[in-house]
Amino acid sequence: MIAAATFSQYLLFTSIKIMAVFAVLMFIVSYAVWIERKVSAAIQDRVGPNRVGPFGLLQPIADAVKAFLKEDFTPGHVRKAYYWLAPAIVMIPSLLTIAIIPFGSRLGDEPMVISNLNVGILYTFGIVSLGVYGIVLAGYAANSKYPFLGGIRSSAQMISYEIAMGMSVVPIFLIVGSLNLNDVVMYQGGGFSRWLILRQPLSFIIFVAAMFAETNRLPFDLPESEQELAGGYNVEYSSMKFAMFFMGEYAGMTVASAMMVTLFFGGWTLPFDGLDQPATTMAMGWLHIGIFLAKMLVVEFIIIWIRWMWPRFRYDQLMDLGWRRFIPLALLNIVGTAVVLWARGSS
């Protein structure tokens, strides 16, 4: 009976965490679009959305209603099964990846992570690699040359930068000595000098560039570059199917920001007033969650800002950067970190 009661309690709290994280993620995704439109308007000396609600704050709700009410049209020339499946596959990896990111320390006896896996980073890269299938399927299902080119570009780009991204974080786990993301956060407690962006700046640079490529954000948005492909892999989509591609991109950007905060910026910790230790009160637990969200939103804002400040790479430059620059640098960083750790251990 005790075991059954404990399992029921675990199931209840896990379900609550899943629903809460999903709700917050969808809220951030919807208003990230509003922020992006406002930022781009400010940079280009425009007004941006200002019609629906004060300062246009209700624009995301209007966009959602419009997407639901638009005619869900399926072109006659598409491969229908793949056409319907692709938008869901694009959205799913972001929702699964958020499960292992620690967004706080504790609330009462509950750890603020949905699934505290000891091999969390391996799970992350396993799930992230599935995202390419949705985009490739969308390009193939459209049965048209421009979406197909977008899908082919994406398969090459995302696979190339997955390698660089995976290799970039290896030195971090060599230093921490664990693949558990909670351990990575706890390692960074005790001062700004322990934040891994300062201990592994090369890993951070490679991870950031690979993250832009993985989420198809400028300057690496070649799979959907409108000037060349009329929209790329999603050009044949409309209504909620198109909205799911849109949501998948922003959800991926949000999850990537959360992962960056966890790996390089101390996660939910701040190195003063005991904020780098697990919470002992409910107020401290909520404060840790607020710290994590604040860091994540700052990173996400910078990602949005970069989109409107940098020109797009040519495709040959994109692939050259991934294969001939980042992968060798990541390998060199792994070897160098391993040698330094070995020298310290043997001295």
Protein backbone atom coordinates (compact mmCIF):
# COMPACT_ATOMS: atom_id res chain seq x y z
CA MET A 1 0.00 0.00 0.00
CA ILE A 2 2.85 2.39 0.84
CA ALA A 3 4.56 1.69 -2.47
CA ALA A 4 1.29 2.19 -4.34
CA ALA A 5 0.65 5.48 -2.53
CA THR A 6 4.21 6.66 -3.23
CA PHE A 7 3.87 5.81 -6.92
CA SER A 8 0.51 7.60 -7.13
CA GLN A 9 2.05 10.70 -5.52
CA TYR A 10 5.01 10.54 -7.93
CA LEU A 11 2.63 10.21 -10.89
CA LEU A 12 0.52 13.15 -9.70
CA PHE A 13 3.45 15.53 -9.19
CA THR A 14 5.10 14.47 -12.46
CA SER A 15 1.83 15.14 -14.33
CA ILE A 16 1.56 18.57 -12.72
CA LYS A 17 5.16 19.39 -13.71
CA ILE A 18 4.56 18.25 -17.29
CA MET A 19 1.43 20.40 -17.64
CA ALA A 20 3.07 23.42 -16.01
CA VAL A 21 6.22 23.20 -18.17
CA PHE A 22 4.14 22.73 -21.33
CA ALA A 23 1.95 25.73 -20.48
CA VAL A 24 4.96 27.98 -19.79
CA LEU A 25 6.74 26.78 -22.95
CA MET A 26 3.71 27.52 -25.15
CA PHE A 27 3.27 30.95 -23.53
CA ILE A 28 6.93 31.81 -24.18
CA VAL A 29 6.67 30.53 -27.76
CA SER A 30 3.62 32.69 -28.50
CA TYR A 31 5.13 35.86 -27.06
CA ALA A 32 8.58 35.22 -28.53
CA VAL A 33 6.93 35.85 -31.90
CA TRP A 34 5.52 39.17 -30.60
CA ILE A 35 8.93 40.16 -29.20
CA GLU A 36 10.65 39.24 -32.46
CA ARG A 37 8.23 41.38 -34.45
CA LYS A 38 8.73 44.31 -32.05
CA VAL A 39 12.53 43.96 -32.10
CA SER A 40 12.66 43.77 -35.90
CA ALA A 41 10.35 46.79 -36.12
CA ALA A 42 12.58 48.81 -33.79
CA ILE A 43 15.72 47.90 -35.77
CA GLN A 44 14.04 48.76 -39.09
CA ASP A 45 12.37 51.95 -37.77
CA ARG A 46 8.84 50.54 -37.95
CA VAL A 47 6.02 50.28 -35.40
CA GLY A 48 5.38 46.53 -35.30
CA PRO A 49 2.16 44.91 -34.06
CA ASN A 50 0.07 47.54 -32.26
CA ARG A 51 -3.58 46.93 -33.25
CA VAL A 52 -4.76 44.05 -31.04
CA GLY A 53 -4.73 45.05 -27.37
CA PRO A 54 -2.43 47.60 -25.70
CA PHE A 55 0.95 47.69 -27.50
CA GLY A 56 -0.29 44.76 -29.60
CA LEU A 57 0.03 42.38 -26.63
CA LEU A 58 -2.99 40.33 -27.71
CA GLN A 59 -1.56 39.74 -31.20
CA PRO A 60 -0.46 36.15 -30.37
CA ILE A 61 -4.06 35.30 -29.44
CA ALA A 62 -5.32 36.79 -32.70
CA ASP A 63 -2.68 34.82 -34.65
CA ALA A 64 -3.73 31.58 -32.90
CA VAL A 65 -7.41 32.17 -33.70
CA LYS A 66 -6.53 32.96 -37.32
CA ALA A 67 -4.49 29.75 -37.65
CA PHE A 68 -7.37 27.65 -36.27
CA LEU A 69 -9.99 29.29 -38.48
CA LYS A 70 -8.04 29.20 -41.74
CA GLU A 71 -9.07 26.56 -44.25
CA ASP A 72 -6.94 23.43 -43.80
CA PHE A 73 -6.16 22.93 -47.49
CA THR A 74 -4.22 19.90 -48.71
CA PRO A 75 -2.86 20.34 -52.27
CA GLY A 76 -3.73 17.53 -54.63
CA HIS A 77 -0.15 16.84 -55.73
CA VAL A 78 1.36 16.16 -52.27
CA ARG A 79 2.17 12.78 -50.71
CA LYS A 80 -0.62 12.99 -48.15
CA ALA A 81 0.52 10.65 -45.34
CA TYR A 82 3.94 12.31 -45.08
CA TYR A 83 2.39 15.75 -45.59
CA TRP A 84 0.21 15.32 -42.49
CA LEU A 85 2.91 13.64 -40.41
CA ALA A 86 5.76 16.13 -40.95
CA PRO A 87 4.44 19.08 -38.84
CA ALA A 88 3.92 16.85 -35.80
CA ILE A 89 7.43 15.39 -36.05
CA VAL A 90 8.91 18.91 -36.15
CA MET A 91 7.11 19.89 -32.93
CA ILE A 92 7.70 16.71 -30.87
CA PRO A 93 11.53 16.87 -30.25
CA SER A 94 11.32 20.24 -28.49
CA LEU A 95 8.57 18.98 -26.17
CA LEU A 96 10.56 15.84 -25.30
CA THR A 97 13.89 17.60 -24.79
CA ILE A 98 12.54 20.00 -22.17
CA ALA A 99 11.83 16.99 -19.91
CA ILE A 100 15.44 16.63 -18.72
CA ILE A 101 16.33 20.30 -18.20
CA PRO A 102 16.44 21.29 -14.49
CA PHE A 103 14.48 24.56 -14.35
CA GLY A 104 14.87 24.95 -10.57
CA SER A 105 16.24 23.16 -7.51
CA ARG A 106 13.31 21.99 -5.38
CA LEU A 107 9.80 22.92 -4.33
CA GLY A 108 9.27 21.13 -1.05
CA ASP A 109 10.42 17.57 -1.67
CA GLU A 110 9.91 17.73 -5.44
CA PRO A 111 12.94 18.24 -7.74
CA MET A 112 12.22 20.83 -10.41
CA VAL A 113 12.98 18.62 -13.36
CA ILE A 114 10.52 16.30 -15.07
CA SER A 115 12.98 13.43 -15.53
CA ASN A 116 16.34 13.45 -13.73
CA LEU A 117 18.26 11.13 -16.08
CA ASN A 118 21.87 10.20 -15.35
CA VAL A 119 22.53 10.26 -19.09
CA GLY A 120 20.45 13.37 -19.75
CA ILE A 121 22.71 14.86 -22.43
CA LEU A 122 22.71 11.61 -24.42
CA TYR A 123 18.91 11.60 -24.32
CA THR A 124 18.93 15.23 -25.49
CA PHE A 125 21.05 14.61 -28.56
CA GLY A 126 19.16 11.43 -29.37
CA ILE A 127 15.86 13.33 -29.39
CA VAL A 128 17.20 16.45 -31.12
CA SER A 129 18.46 14.34 -34.02
CA LEU A 130 14.86 13.33 -34.77
CA GLY A 131 13.93 16.91 -35.71
CA VAL A 132 15.56 16.63 -39.13
CA TYR A 133 13.08 13.92 -40.16
CA GLY A 134 10.11 16.28 -39.96
CA ILE A 135 11.74 18.89 -42.18
CA VAL A 136 13.01 16.34 -44.71
CA LEU A 137 9.58 14.68 -44.79
CA ALA A 138 7.91 18.05 -45.34
CA GLY A 139 10.17 18.78 -48.31
CA TYR A 140 9.65 15.30 -49.76
CA ALA A 141 5.88 15.27 -49.15
CA ALA A 142 5.35 18.58 -50.97
CA ASN A 143 6.33 16.90 -54.27
CA SER A 144 7.72 20.21 -55.51
CA LYS A 145 11.28 21.27 -56.26
CA TYR A 146 11.63 24.28 -53.94
CA PRO A 147 10.40 22.54 -50.76
CA PHE A 148 12.47 19.50 -51.72
CA LEU A 149 15.60 21.67 -52.00
CA GLY A 150 14.81 23.10 -48.56
CA GLY A 151 14.51 19.60 -47.12
CA ILE A 152 17.78 18.44 -48.69
CA ARG A 153 19.60 21.53 -47.43
CA SER A 154 18.21 20.93 -43.98
CA SER A 155 19.26 17.29 -43.82
CA ALA A 156 22.86 18.21 -44.70
CA GLN A 157 22.94 21.26 -42.44
CA MET A 158 21.37 19.75 -39.33
CA ILE A 159 23.34 16.49 -39.48
CA SER A 160 26.59 18.43 -39.95
CA TYR A 161 25.99 20.76 -37.03
CA GLU A 162 24.66 17.99 -34.76
CA ILE A 163 28.15 16.51 -34.89
CA ALA A 164 29.76 19.83 -33.98
CA MET A 165 27.20 20.48 -31.24
CA GLY A 166 27.64 17.04 -29.69
CA MET A 167 31.41 17.30 -29.72
CA SER A 168 31.35 20.84 -28.31
CA VAL A 169 29.84 19.70 -24.98
CA VAL A 170 32.18 16.73 -24.43
CA PRO A 171 34.80 18.90 -22.60
CA ILE A 172 32.07 20.13 -20.24
CA PHE A 173 31.23 16.60 -19.13
CA LEU A 174 34.91 15.73 -18.88
CA ILE A 175 35.28 18.60 -16.40
CA VAL A 176 32.08 17.88 -14.45
CA GLY A 177 32.56 14.10 -14.48
CA SER A 178 28.86 13.36 -15.02
CA LEU A 179 26.30 13.32 -17.83
CA ASN A 180 23.53 14.42 -15.47
CA LEU A 181 22.44 18.02 -16.11
CA ASN A 182 21.71 18.58 -12.41
CA ASP A 183 25.35 17.77 -11.68
CA VAL A 184 26.40 20.29 -14.34
CA VAL A 185 24.34 22.98 -12.61
CA MET A 186 25.67 22.11 -9.15
CA TYR A 187 29.26 22.19 -10.44
CA GLN A 188 28.76 25.82 -11.47
CA GLY A 189 27.79 26.93 -7.96
CA GLY A 190 30.27 28.82 -5.83
CA GLY A 191 31.14 31.81 -8.00
CA PHE A 192 31.02 33.25 -11.49
CA SER A 193 34.48 31.76 -12.12
CA ARG A 194 32.92 28.28 -12.08
CA TRP A 195 30.42 29.07 -14.82
CA LEU A 196 31.40 26.91 -17.75
CA ILE A 197 31.25 29.74 -20.28
CA LEU A 198 34.46 31.00 -18.63
CA ARG A 199 36.07 27.56 -18.35
CA GLN A 200 35.09 26.42 -21.84
CA PRO A 201 34.64 29.52 -24.06
CA LEU A 202 35.47 27.57 -27.25
CA SER A 203 32.78 25.01 -26.42
CA PHE A 204 30.33 27.87 -25.95
CA ILE A 205 31.15 29.48 -29.32
CA ILE A 206 30.77 26.18 -31.20
CA PHE A 207 27.58 25.31 -29.31
CA VAL A 208 26.00 28.70 -30.07
CA ALA A 209 26.78 28.49 -33.79
CA ALA A 210 25.53 24.89 -33.98
CA MET A 211 22.38 25.89 -32.10
CA PHE A 212 21.60 28.55 -34.71
CA ALA A 213 22.04 25.96 -37.46
CA GLU A 214 19.94 23.34 -35.64
CA THR A 215 17.04 25.75 -35.13
CA ASN A 216 17.27 27.18 -38.68
CA ARG A 217 17.78 30.70 -37.41
CA LEU A 218 19.65 33.44 -39.23
CA PRO A 219 22.44 33.50 -40.21
CA PHE A 220 21.90 29.75 -40.78
CA ASP A 221 18.32 29.70 -42.10
CA LEU A 222 19.19 28.20 -45.51
CA PRO A 223 16.47 25.47 -45.36
CA GLU A 224 13.77 28.15 -45.49
CA SER A 225 15.51 31.14 -47.09
CA GLU A 226 12.68 33.00 -48.74
CA GLN A 227 14.77 34.85 -51.30
CA GLU A 228 15.95 31.58 -52.85
CA LEU A 229 13.28 28.98 -52.12
CA ALA A 230 10.03 30.98 -51.77
CA GLY A 231 9.83 29.73 -48.19
CA GLY A 232 11.58 26.37 -48.36
CA TYR A 233 10.28 23.10 -46.95
CA ASN A 234 7.05 24.60 -45.52
CA VAL A 235 5.90 26.51 -48.61
CA GLU A 236 3.02 24.10 -49.39
CA TYR A 237 1.58 24.30 -45.87
CA SER A 238 -1.15 26.53 -44.46
CA SER A 239 -3.43 26.83 -41.44
CA MET A 240 -2.45 24.87 -38.32
CA LYS A 241 0.06 22.70 -40.18
CA PHE A 242 2.11 25.78 -41.03
CA ALA A 243 1.61 27.08 -37.48
CA MET A 244 3.10 23.86 -36.09
CA PHE A 245 6.29 24.42 -38.11
CA PHE A 246 6.38 27.96 -36.75
CA MET A 247 5.76 26.78 -33.19
CA GLY A 248 8.38 24.04 -33.59
CA GLU A 249 11.03 26.60 -34.55
CA TYR A 250 10.30 28.87 -31.59
CA ALA A 251 9.93 25.95 -29.17
CA GLY A 252 13.29 24.66 -30.37
CA MET A 253 14.79 28.11 -29.84
CA THR A 254 13.36 28.26 -26.30
CA VAL A 255 14.62 24.79 -25.39
CA ALA A 256 18.05 25.62 -26.88
CA SER A 257 18.16 28.76 -24.72
CA ALA A 258 17.29 26.68 -21.65
CA MET A 259 20.02 24.16 -22.52
CA MET A 260 22.56 26.96 -23.00
CA VAL A 261 21.71 28.42 -19.60
CA THR A 262 22.06 24.97 -18.00
CA LEU A 263 25.39 24.13 -19.61
CA PHE A 264 27.18 27.49 -19.55
CA PHE A 265 25.44 30.05 -17.32
CA GLY A 266 24.92 28.21 -14.04
CA GLY A 267 21.32 27.06 -14.60
CA TRP A 268 19.10 28.17 -11.73
CA THR A 269 22.03 29.32 -9.55
CA LEU A 270 23.44 32.74 -8.71
CA PRO A 271 26.73 32.91 -6.79
CA PHE A 272 25.56 34.96 -3.78
CA ASP A 273 23.13 34.83 -0.84
CA GLY A 274 23.08 31.03 -0.94
CA LEU A 275 21.30 30.96 -4.29
CA ASP A 276 23.74 28.33 -5.59
CA GLN A 277 22.45 25.70 -3.15
CA PRO A 278 19.24 23.61 -3.36
CA ALA A 279 16.22 25.41 -1.91
CA THR A 280 15.23 24.75 1.69
CA THR A 281 12.04 26.85 1.53
CA MET A 282 9.22 27.25 -0.98
CA ALA A 283 10.14 30.91 -1.53
CA MET A 284 13.71 29.96 -2.40
CA GLY A 285 12.43 27.25 -4.75
CA TRP A 286 10.27 29.74 -6.65
CA LEU A 287 13.17 32.21 -6.74
CA HIS A 288 15.39 29.57 -8.38
CA ILE A 289 12.73 29.00 -11.05
CA GLY A 290 12.52 32.77 -11.62
CA ILE A 291 16.33 33.01 -11.96
CA PHE A 292 16.36 30.23 -14.55
CA LEU A 293 13.54 31.80 -16.56
CA ALA A 294 15.17 35.25 -16.46
CA LYS A 295 18.47 33.88 -17.77
CA MET A 296 16.68 31.88 -20.46
CA LEU A 297 14.67 34.87 -21.66
CA VAL A 298 17.81 37.03 -21.90
CA VAL A 299 19.51 34.38 -24.04
CA GLU A 300 16.40 34.04 -26.21
CA PHE A 301 16.23 37.81 -26.69
CA ILE A 302 19.86 37.83 -27.88
CA ILE A 303 19.06 35.03 -30.37
CA ILE A 304 16.16 37.11 -31.71
CA TRP A 305 18.30 40.25 -31.88
CA ILE A 306 21.06 38.46 -33.85
CA ARG A 307 18.56 37.43 -36.53
CA TRP A 308 18.04 41.06 -37.52
CA MET A 309 21.68 42.11 -37.34
CA TRP A 310 23.66 39.47 -39.28
CA PRO A 311 23.57 38.62 -43.02
CA ARG A 312 22.86 35.09 -44.19
CA PHE A 313 25.75 32.73 -45.04
CA ARG A 314 25.99 31.18 -48.49
CA TYR A 315 25.36 27.44 -48.39
CA ASP A 316 28.97 26.53 -49.24
CA GLN A 317 30.15 28.84 -46.45
CA LEU A 318 27.71 27.21 -44.04
CA MET A 319 28.98 23.69 -44.76
CA ASP A 320 32.61 24.79 -44.82
CA LEU A 321 32.22 26.39 -41.40
CA GLY A 322 30.70 23.23 -39.94
CA TRP A 323 33.00 20.57 -41.39
CA ARG A 324 36.32 22.37 -41.83
CA ARG A 325 36.24 24.77 -38.87
CA PHE A 326 33.97 23.72 -36.01
CA ILE A 327 34.47 19.95 -36.04
CA PRO A 328 38.32 20.16 -36.04
CA LEU A 329 38.16 22.87 -33.35
CA ALA A 330 35.80 20.73 -31.25
CA LEU A 331 38.13 17.73 -31.57
CA LEU A 332 41.11 19.88 -30.58
CA ASN A 333 39.18 21.20 -27.59
CA ILE A 334 38.31 17.67 -26.43
CA VAL A 335 41.94 16.52 -26.67
CA GLY A 336 43.25 19.67 -25.00
CA THR A 337 40.77 19.44 -22.11
CA ALA A 338 41.54 15.74 -21.60
CA VAL A 339 45.29 16.42 -21.52
CA VAL A 340 44.90 19.27 -19.01
CA LEU A 341 42.66 17.13 -16.75
CA TRP A 342 45.10 14.19 -16.99
CA ALA A 343 48.05 16.48 -16.12
CA ARG A 344 46.20 17.87 -13.09
CA GLY A 345 45.21 14.37 -11.95
CA SER A 346 48.72 12.99 -12.24
CA SER A 347 50.44 15.93 -10.53
